[in-house]
Amino acid sequence: MEDRFRIKRRKEKFKLSYKTKRAIILSSFLIFYLLLIFIFSPNGKILKDGFDVPPLTSNIDIFNDKIVYSSSKTLYTMDNSLSISFPYNIIDFKVYKDRIYILSDHLTIIDSNFKVIKEIKKEGFFLQDIFFFDNTFCLRWDGTDKLKITLSLYDINSYKEIKNLSFNEFSFMPFITIFDNGNKILVFQNDGDIMLINFSGEIIWQKNIRPENIIVFDPHGVVDEEIGRIILYWRSYTYHTNIILILNTEGEILKRYDIKNNINKLFSDDNNIYLITDNDLKIITNQIFYIESIPFYKPSDSFFIDKNLINIWEFKNFISNYKFIKINDKKIVFNGNVKDILIDKNKLYILIDSKIYNINIYD
């Protein structure tokens, strides 16, 4: 009888509300994320005591043992001993021997006292690039209203124009570089057409290297004169791939690489080809790929110091934007945007936002 009248108690299950569950998940994710930031945040010497420069400073170089920088319409020395202002914006400047070549829509050449000694203009064109050779320099002029390019070769002492070569039939902007002391011009177009010509317009060789049935764009290249190698690369629209072709100076294709990532920078030395992609640094050595990557980091830039490869790595997250430079076994940590880098002897000068820092490489 007692079993018949026994009261059965229900076990109440403890339930979390939807809002509570969501708060726990978000809190757990935040704790995990902060833990990852703590683990992978760079440790090392922090850059400090930089030299203040105007916010629009964009380029640095060395001239007569002085650091020179440009900001908007003015060129300065870092010791404030010299400066020169212009009525136009300075796009870039190049130091060559005892002159500074200032690029805007035209070329302005100044001497060691920051005095203007020559201006070179071309009607209907703006200045795009400058190339220096033993006794000459070449200016690349791009048309202001049409897709046309003119190359002008000048005597480096008298500044007189020696030769002129014009291109008027491009449908897209090509990659153009000049080498062999100004005697050879390489033209690489979107559609894969490539030709090597001289300043008289004579074609040395010409061919099309576009892979079959692939739409490509954004052509780039590097010429290694010492080892007789031409490196060309451009993007495939169809497969989101960067295609790299290695040629000799006769135009013969030696090797092809397909990179499933954007190539943000490509440079080389006698032995290796270096690619900075969105995620890692790729090194092609003796036809073999080596990949250098760091979790939660991406390469921001690379360069050589005394033939040693130096990388800048960027740590991106929602809270901070740290970067670090690894020099030998030393890490130098900073926060900001790198605008320019200058290497002089055993020092590295780096322009970050509106400060110039100098780092002794071998300390």
Protein backbone atom coordinates (compact mmCIF):
# COMPACT_ATOMS: atom_id res chain seq x y z
CA MET A 1 0.00 0.00 0.00
CA GLU A 2 2.76 2.41 0.86
CA ASP A 3 4.24 2.01 -2.64
CA ARG A 4 0.90 2.95 -4.18
CA PHE A 5 0.77 6.31 -2.41
CA ARG A 6 4.46 7.21 -2.70
CA ILE A 7 4.87 10.71 -4.14
CA LYS A 8 7.13 10.85 -7.15
CA ARG A 9 9.30 13.94 -7.25
CA ARG A 10 10.35 15.36 -10.58
CA LYS A 11 13.98 16.26 -11.00
CA GLU A 12 14.16 19.84 -12.21
CA LYS A 13 16.86 20.38 -14.88
CA PHE A 14 18.82 23.58 -14.54
CA LYS A 15 18.62 25.53 -17.82
CA LEU A 16 20.60 28.55 -18.93
CA SER A 17 18.84 31.32 -20.77
CA TYR A 18 19.84 32.14 -24.33
CA LYS A 19 21.37 35.45 -23.23
CA THR A 20 23.44 33.75 -20.54
CA LYS A 21 24.72 31.13 -22.99
CA ARG A 22 25.67 33.81 -25.48
CA ALA A 23 27.48 35.80 -22.78
CA ILE A 24 29.46 32.72 -21.72
CA ILE A 25 30.45 31.93 -25.33
CA LEU A 26 31.51 35.51 -26.02
CA SER A 27 33.45 35.74 -22.76
CA SER A 28 35.21 32.46 -23.48
CA PHE A 29 36.12 33.64 -26.97
CA LEU A 30 37.43 36.95 -25.60
CA ILE A 31 39.55 35.22 -22.97
CA PHE A 32 40.93 32.84 -25.58
CA TYR A 33 41.64 35.73 -27.97
CA LEU A 34 43.40 37.78 -25.28
CA LEU A 35 45.44 34.71 -24.36
CA LEU A 36 46.55 34.33 -27.99
CA ILE A 37 47.51 38.01 -28.12
CA PHE A 38 49.52 37.60 -24.91
CA ILE A 39 51.28 34.50 -26.26
CA PHE A 40 52.08 35.82 -29.74
CA SER A 41 52.68 39.52 -29.01
CA PRO A 42 56.26 40.40 -29.96
CA ASN A 43 58.85 40.73 -27.23
CA GLY A 44 61.98 42.75 -27.81
CA LYS A 45 63.51 46.20 -27.78
CA ILE A 46 60.86 48.89 -28.27
CA LEU A 47 61.60 51.78 -30.62
CA LYS A 48 61.66 55.13 -28.82
CA ASP A 49 63.11 58.65 -28.97
CA GLY A 50 62.43 59.15 -32.66
CA PHE A 51 63.11 62.41 -34.49
CA ASP A 52 59.88 64.36 -35.08
CA VAL A 53 59.06 65.24 -38.68
CA PRO A 54 55.92 66.73 -40.30
CA PRO A 55 52.98 64.28 -40.62
CA LEU A 56 53.10 64.31 -44.45
CA THR A 57 56.74 63.16 -44.58
CA SER A 58 56.96 60.26 -47.02
CA ASN A 59 60.59 59.75 -48.16
CA ILE A 60 64.04 59.68 -46.58
CA ASP A 61 67.53 59.38 -48.07
CA ILE A 62 71.14 60.33 -47.30
CA PHE A 63 72.98 63.15 -49.07
CA ASN A 64 76.46 64.40 -48.17
CA ASP A 65 76.33 62.39 -44.92
CA LYS A 66 73.06 64.04 -43.90
CA ILE A 67 69.60 62.52 -43.64
CA VAL A 68 67.23 64.25 -46.07
CA TYR A 69 63.45 63.95 -46.01
CA SER A 70 60.55 65.38 -47.99
CA SER A 71 57.19 66.52 -46.66
CA SER A 72 54.51 67.89 -48.94
CA LYS A 73 56.24 70.77 -50.79
CA THR A 74 59.51 71.01 -48.82
CA LEU A 75 62.80 69.13 -48.68
CA TYR A 76 64.74 69.21 -45.37
CA THR A 77 67.95 67.93 -43.83
CA MET A 78 67.42 66.26 -40.47
CA ASP A 79 69.94 68.61 -38.80
CA ASN A 80 67.84 71.58 -40.06
CA SER A 81 70.87 73.11 -41.81
CA LEU A 82 69.21 73.16 -45.25
CA SER A 83 65.71 73.24 -46.71
CA ILE A 84 64.01 74.20 -49.95
CA SER A 85 60.31 74.69 -50.72
CA PHE A 86 58.44 74.45 -54.00
CA PRO A 87 55.02 75.61 -55.23
CA TYR A 88 54.13 71.98 -56.01
CA ASN A 89 54.01 68.69 -54.10
CA ILE A 90 57.11 66.50 -54.04
CA ILE A 91 56.09 63.02 -55.19
CA ASP A 92 59.54 61.48 -54.69
CA PHE A 93 63.22 62.37 -54.74
CA LYS A 94 66.39 60.48 -55.68
CA VAL A 95 69.96 61.10 -54.60
CA TYR A 96 72.61 60.45 -57.24
CA LYS A 97 76.23 61.50 -56.75
CA ASP A 98 76.28 65.22 -55.83
CA ARG A 99 72.73 66.02 -56.95
CA ILE A 100 69.17 65.53 -55.72
CA TYR A 101 66.55 64.81 -58.39
CA ILE A 102 63.07 65.87 -57.27
CA LEU A 103 60.07 64.26 -58.97
CA SER A 104 56.74 66.05 -59.27
CA ASP A 105 54.88 66.51 -62.57
CA HIS A 106 58.35 67.46 -63.87
CA LEU A 107 61.98 67.07 -62.75
CA THR A 108 63.88 69.57 -60.59
CA ILE A 109 67.62 69.10 -59.96
CA ILE A 110 69.28 70.77 -56.96
CA ASP A 111 72.91 70.91 -55.84
CA SER A 112 74.57 70.33 -52.46
CA ASN A 113 73.50 73.81 -51.29
CA PHE A 114 69.85 73.07 -52.11
CA LYS A 115 69.93 75.51 -55.04
CA VAL A 116 67.93 74.71 -58.20
CA ILE A 117 70.27 74.16 -61.15
CA LYS A 118 67.86 72.64 -63.71
CA GLU A 119 64.17 71.99 -64.37
CA ILE A 120 62.99 69.58 -67.08
CA LYS A 121 59.38 69.60 -68.27
CA LYS A 122 57.48 67.95 -71.11
CA GLU A 123 54.21 69.41 -72.36
CA GLY A 124 51.27 67.00 -72.10
CA PHE A 125 53.19 64.56 -69.89
CA PHE A 126 53.88 64.00 -66.20
CA LEU A 127 57.04 62.45 -64.80
CA GLN A 128 56.64 58.81 -63.76
CA ASP A 129 60.15 57.45 -63.08
CA ILE A 130 63.89 58.05 -63.38
CA PHE A 131 66.76 55.65 -64.21
CA PHE A 132 70.46 56.44 -63.65
CA PHE A 133 73.39 55.15 -65.71
CA ASP A 134 77.13 55.92 -65.95
CA ASN A 135 76.97 59.09 -68.02
CA THR A 136 73.25 59.50 -68.62
CA PHE A 137 69.85 59.33 -66.94
CA CYS A 138 66.48 58.44 -68.42
CA LEU A 139 63.08 59.93 -67.60
CA ARG A 140 59.84 58.08 -68.17
CA TRP A 141 57.01 60.44 -69.08
CA ASP A 142 53.35 59.29 -69.06
CA GLY A 143 50.69 61.15 -71.03
CA THR A 144 48.26 63.27 -69.03
CA ASP A 145 45.21 62.54 -71.19
CA LYS A 146 46.12 59.42 -73.20
CA LEU A 147 47.81 56.08 -72.60
CA LYS A 148 51.14 57.03 -74.12
CA ILE A 149 54.69 56.83 -72.77
CA THR A 150 57.85 58.66 -73.75
CA LEU A 151 61.39 57.75 -72.64
CA SER A 152 63.95 60.56 -72.77
CA LEU A 153 67.67 60.00 -72.34
CA TYR A 154 69.74 62.94 -71.00
CA ASP A 155 73.43 63.68 -70.56
CA ILE A 156 74.09 63.65 -66.80
CA ASN A 157 76.41 66.68 -66.93
CA SER A 158 74.81 69.01 -69.48
CA TYR A 159 71.21 67.77 -68.96
CA LYS A 160 70.67 67.89 -72.71
CA GLU A 161 68.25 65.38 -74.22
CA ILE A 162 70.21 62.85 -76.28
CA LYS A 163 67.53 60.39 -77.39
CA ASN A 164 63.76 60.09 -77.29
CA LEU A 165 61.53 57.05 -77.73
CA SER A 166 57.72 57.18 -77.72
CA PHE A 167 55.02 54.50 -77.34
CA ASN A 168 51.49 55.42 -78.42
CA GLU A 169 49.67 52.14 -79.01
CA PHE A 170 49.20 50.61 -75.54
CA SER A 171 45.71 49.50 -74.48
CA PHE A 172 46.82 49.00 -70.84
CA MET A 173 49.72 50.39 -68.84
CA PRO A 174 52.77 48.13 -69.36
CA PHE A 175 55.78 47.36 -67.20
CA ILE A 176 58.88 49.10 -68.58
CA THR A 177 62.44 48.95 -67.32
CA ILE A 178 65.78 50.05 -68.76
CA PHE A 179 69.11 48.29 -68.25
CA ASP A 180 72.51 47.59 -69.88
CA ASN A 181 73.62 51.16 -69.10
CA GLY A 182 70.57 52.58 -70.86
CA ASN A 183 71.02 50.59 -74.06
CA LYS A 184 68.17 48.09 -73.63
CA ILE A 185 64.49 48.61 -72.83
CA LEU A 186 62.20 45.79 -71.71
CA VAL A 187 58.47 46.28 -72.34
CA PHE A 188 56.00 43.79 -70.80
CA GLN A 189 52.27 44.16 -71.52
CA ASN A 190 49.02 42.89 -70.02
CA ASP A 191 48.34 40.48 -72.88
CA GLY A 192 51.73 38.77 -72.45
CA ASP A 193 53.51 40.60 -75.27
CA ILE A 194 57.13 41.25 -74.35
CA MET A 195 59.86 42.87 -76.36
CA LEU A 196 63.44 43.96 -75.89
CA ILE A 197 64.38 47.07 -77.86
CA ASN A 198 67.12 49.68 -77.97
CA PHE A 199 66.76 53.47 -77.77
CA SER A 200 66.62 53.71 -81.54
CA GLY A 201 63.41 51.65 -81.45
CA GLU A 202 65.02 48.58 -83.04
CA ILE A 203 63.51 45.32 -81.80
CA ILE A 204 66.13 42.90 -80.44
CA TRP A 205 63.51 40.18 -79.82
CA GLN A 206 59.76 40.00 -79.34
CA LYS A 207 57.32 37.26 -78.30
CA ASN A 208 54.08 36.53 -76.44
CA ILE A 209 54.46 34.56 -73.20
CA ARG A 210 50.85 34.52 -71.97
CA PRO A 211 49.79 31.01 -70.91
CA GLU A 212 47.00 29.66 -73.11
CA ASN A 213 43.39 30.53 -72.14
CA ILE A 214 44.43 32.59 -69.10
CA ILE A 215 43.41 36.22 -68.67
CA VAL A 216 46.26 38.13 -67.01
CA PHE A 217 46.79 41.70 -65.80
CA ASP A 218 49.07 43.95 -63.71
CA PRO A 219 52.48 43.06 -65.25
CA HIS A 220 55.69 43.49 -63.23
CA GLY A 221 59.29 42.43 -63.59
CA VAL A 222 62.86 42.41 -62.33
CA VAL A 223 66.03 42.24 -64.43
CA ASP A 224 69.16 40.67 -62.89
CA GLU A 225 71.87 41.91 -65.22
CA GLU A 226 74.81 40.20 -63.51
CA ILE A 227 73.41 36.71 -63.95
CA GLY A 228 71.45 37.38 -67.16
CA ARG A 229 67.99 36.67 -65.74
CA ILE A 230 64.60 38.30 -66.33
CA ILE A 231 61.81 37.66 -63.80
CA LEU A 232 58.29 38.51 -64.95
CA TYR A 233 55.08 38.12 -62.99
CA TRP A 234 51.46 39.09 -63.33
CA ARG A 235 48.07 38.07 -62.03
CA SER A 236 45.61 35.60 -63.52
CA TYR A 237 42.06 36.95 -63.42
CA THR A 238 40.47 33.52 -63.86
CA TYR A 239 42.28 31.49 -61.21
CA HIS A 240 43.32 34.24 -58.75
CA THR A 241 46.92 33.16 -59.21
CA ASN A 242 50.17 35.03 -59.67
CA ILE A 243 52.21 33.59 -62.53
CA ILE A 244 56.02 33.93 -62.39
CA LEU A 245 58.17 33.30 -65.45
CA ILE A 246 61.96 33.12 -65.41
CA LEU A 247 63.62 34.02 -68.74
CA ASN A 248 67.15 34.53 -69.95
CA THR A 249 68.11 37.76 -71.71
CA GLU A 250 67.39 36.13 -75.09
CA GLY A 251 63.72 35.70 -74.07
CA GLU A 252 63.83 31.92 -73.57
CA ILE A 253 61.49 30.76 -70.78
CA LEU A 254 63.44 28.72 -68.23
CA LYS A 255 60.89 28.15 -65.46
CA ARG A 256 57.28 28.88 -64.48
CA TYR A 257 55.75 29.14 -61.00
CA ASP A 258 52.06 29.52 -60.09
CA ILE A 259 51.55 31.24 -56.72
CA LYS A 260 48.12 30.93 -55.07
CA ASN A 261 48.50 34.25 -53.31
CA ASN A 262 49.05 37.93 -54.07
CA ILE A 263 52.66 38.94 -54.63
CA ASN A 264 53.10 42.27 -52.86
CA LYS A 265 56.83 42.50 -53.55
CA LEU A 266 59.40 40.51 -55.50
CA PHE A 267 63.17 40.96 -55.42
CA SER A 268 66.21 38.77 -55.88
CA ASP A 269 69.91 38.25 -55.32
CA ASP A 270 72.40 36.10 -57.22
CA ASN A 271 70.97 32.86 -55.79
CA ASN A 272 67.39 33.38 -54.64
CA ILE A 273 64.09 34.97 -55.56
CA TYR A 274 62.09 36.43 -52.65
CA LEU A 275 58.30 36.86 -52.70
CA ILE A 276 56.32 38.75 -50.09
CA THR A 277 52.72 37.51 -50.19
CA ASP A 278 49.70 38.34 -48.04
CA ASN A 279 50.56 35.55 -45.59
CA ASP A 280 54.22 34.57 -45.79
CA LEU A 281 57.64 35.02 -47.30
CA LYS A 282 58.46 32.58 -50.08
CA ILE A 283 62.04 31.93 -51.17
CA ILE A 284 62.87 30.16 -54.41
CA THR A 285 66.30 28.55 -54.06
CA ASN A 286 67.61 26.18 -56.72
CA GLN A 287 64.07 25.60 -57.99
CA ILE A 288 62.83 24.73 -54.46
CA PHE A 289 60.33 26.73 -52.41
CA TYR A 290 61.12 27.62 -48.81
CA ILE A 291 58.32 29.28 -46.88
CA GLU A 292 58.90 31.41 -43.79
CA SER A 293 55.80 32.22 -41.76
CA ILE A 294 54.94 33.21 -38.19
CA PRO A 295 51.52 32.43 -36.64
CA PHE A 296 49.30 35.52 -36.43
CA TYR A 297 51.84 37.58 -38.41
CA LYS A 298 52.22 38.55 -42.04
CA PRO A 299 55.30 39.97 -43.77
CA SER A 300 55.14 43.71 -44.28
CA ASP A 301 58.46 44.30 -46.06
CA SER A 302 61.87 42.75 -46.73
CA PHE A 303 65.27 44.08 -47.73
CA PHE A 304 68.99 43.30 -47.59
CA ILE A 305 71.66 44.60 -45.22
CA ASP A 306 75.16 43.39 -46.08
CA LYS A 307 73.54 40.56 -48.06
CA ASN A 308 71.51 39.48 -45.02
CA LEU A 309 67.74 39.26 -45.49
CA ILE A 310 65.84 41.42 -43.00
CA ASN A 311 62.07 41.08 -42.61
CA ILE A 312 59.43 43.30 -41.08
CA TRP A 313 56.55 41.27 -39.63
CA GLU A 314 53.14 42.69 -38.81
CA PHE A 315 50.92 41.38 -35.99
CA LYS A 316 47.28 42.17 -36.77
CA ASN A 317 44.41 41.90 -34.34
CA PHE A 318 41.40 43.87 -33.18
CA ILE A 319 43.25 45.55 -30.33
CA SER A 320 46.75 46.44 -31.51
CA ASN A 321 48.85 46.56 -34.66
CA TYR A 322 52.37 45.61 -33.62
CA LYS A 323 55.26 45.11 -36.01
CA PHE A 324 58.77 43.93 -35.42
CA ILE A 325 62.07 43.89 -37.29
CA LYS A 326 64.33 40.92 -36.73
CA ILE A 327 67.99 41.82 -37.21
CA ASN A 328 70.36 38.94 -36.53
CA ASP A 329 68.91 37.55 -33.27
CA LYS A 330 67.49 40.88 -32.09
CA LYS A 331 63.83 41.92 -32.26
CA ILE A 332 62.89 45.58 -32.49
CA VAL A 333 59.21 46.22 -31.79
CA PHE A 334 57.17 49.21 -32.93
CA ASN A 335 53.61 50.31 -33.61
CA GLY A 336 52.71 52.40 -36.65
CA ASN A 337 52.92 52.60 -40.42
CA VAL A 338 56.30 52.24 -42.11
CA LYS A 339 56.63 54.87 -44.85
CA ASP A 340 60.27 54.47 -45.86
CA ILE A 341 63.47 52.65 -44.91
CA LEU A 342 67.06 53.79 -45.39
CA ILE A 343 70.16 51.66 -44.87
CA ASP A 344 73.47 53.46 -44.36
CA LYS A 345 76.58 51.52 -43.33
CA ASN A 346 75.71 49.90 -39.97
CA LYS A 347 72.57 51.94 -39.31
CA LEU A 348 68.97 51.47 -40.28
CA TYR A 349 66.80 54.59 -40.52
CA ILE A 350 63.08 53.94 -40.54
CA LEU A 351 60.29 56.49 -41.10
CA ILE A 352 57.23 55.51 -39.06
CA ASP A 353 54.24 57.86 -39.17
CA SER A 354 55.81 61.24 -38.25
CA LYS A 355 59.05 60.05 -36.63
CA ILE A 356 62.43 58.92 -37.96
CA TYR A 357 64.19 56.28 -35.86
CA ASN A 358 67.76 55.10 -36.26
CA ILE A 359 68.85 51.63 -35.23
CA ASN A 360 72.41 50.43 -34.83
CA ILE A 361 72.26 47.07 -36.55
CA TYR A 362 75.15 45.43 -34.76
CA ASP A 363 74.59 46.62 -31.17
